[in-house]
Amino acid sequence: MTVLGWVAMGAGITEPAIFGPAFAVSVLTLLYAMAVKLVCYVAQQRLLFLGQGLTPTTP
């Protein structure tokens, strides 16, 4: 999807009205990817922690 935003920006470089939404699609896709990566990283670390036989403690 990021590449799709870049292509749209390249195709509409002469019209500023097209550039803004295409840039938003590009940045939003990267933001969503980072959020999914963060959730997966936290899940992986939790599974590794629980796999060691440890239990999480709550303060």
Protein backbone atom coordinates (compact mmCIF):
# COMPACT_ATOMS: atom_id res chain seq x y z
CA MET A 1 0.00 0.00 0.00
CA THR A 2 2.89 2.37 0.61
CA VAL A 3 4.07 1.86 -2.95
CA LEU A 4 0.53 2.57 -4.13
CA GLY A 5 0.66 5.93 -2.36
CA TRP A 6 4.02 6.71 -3.95
CA VAL A 7 2.71 5.84 -7.41
CA ALA A 8 -0.32 8.06 -6.85
CA MET A 9 1.95 10.89 -5.73
CA GLY A 10 4.12 10.45 -8.82
CA ALA A 11 1.14 10.36 -11.15
CA GLY A 12 -0.44 13.46 -9.63
CA ILE A 13 2.67 15.53 -8.96
CA THR A 14 1.30 18.41 -11.04
CA GLU A 15 -1.92 18.60 -9.04
CA PRO A 16 -1.47 19.46 -5.35
CA ALA A 17 -4.99 18.22 -4.53
CA ILE A 18 -3.96 14.64 -5.37
CA PHE A 19 -0.58 14.80 -3.64
CA GLY A 20 -1.98 15.25 -0.11
CA PRO A 21 -4.30 12.22 0.04
CA ALA A 22 -1.70 10.01 -1.67
CA PHE A 23 0.90 11.06 0.90
CA ALA A 24 -1.58 10.35 3.70
CA VAL A 25 -2.16 6.82 2.38
CA SER A 26 1.59 6.26 2.25
CA VAL A 27 2.24 7.48 5.81
CA LEU A 28 -0.83 5.79 7.28
CA THR A 29 0.26 2.45 5.85
CA LEU A 30 3.65 2.80 7.54
CA LEU A 31 1.96 3.75 10.82
CA TYR A 32 -0.29 0.69 10.70
CA ALA A 33 2.71 -1.52 9.91
CA MET A 34 4.60 -0.21 12.94
CA ALA A 35 1.58 -0.78 15.18
CA VAL A 36 1.19 -4.38 14.01
CA LYS A 37 4.94 -4.93 14.44
CA LEU A 38 4.74 -3.62 18.02
CA VAL A 39 1.84 -5.93 18.89
CA CYS A 40 3.66 -8.92 17.41
CA TYR A 41 6.86 -8.05 19.26
CA VAL A 42 5.08 -7.80 22.60
CA ALA A 43 3.32 -11.11 21.97
CA GLN A 44 6.61 -12.77 21.06
CA GLN A 45 8.35 -11.50 24.19
CA ARG A 46 5.45 -12.65 26.35
CA LEU A 47 5.55 -16.14 24.81
CA LEU A 48 9.30 -16.33 25.37
CA PHE A 49 8.87 -15.22 28.98
CA LEU A 50 6.11 -17.77 29.64
CA GLY A 51 8.07 -20.46 27.79
CA GLN A 52 10.85 -20.17 30.35
CA GLY A 53 8.45 -21.32 33.06
CA LEU A 54 8.14 -17.90 34.63
CA THR A 55 4.88 -16.28 35.63
CA PRO A 56 4.24 -12.57 35.34
CA THR A 57 3.72 -10.80 38.64
CA THR A 58 1.36 -7.93 39.14
CA PRO A 59 2.38 -5.16 41.51
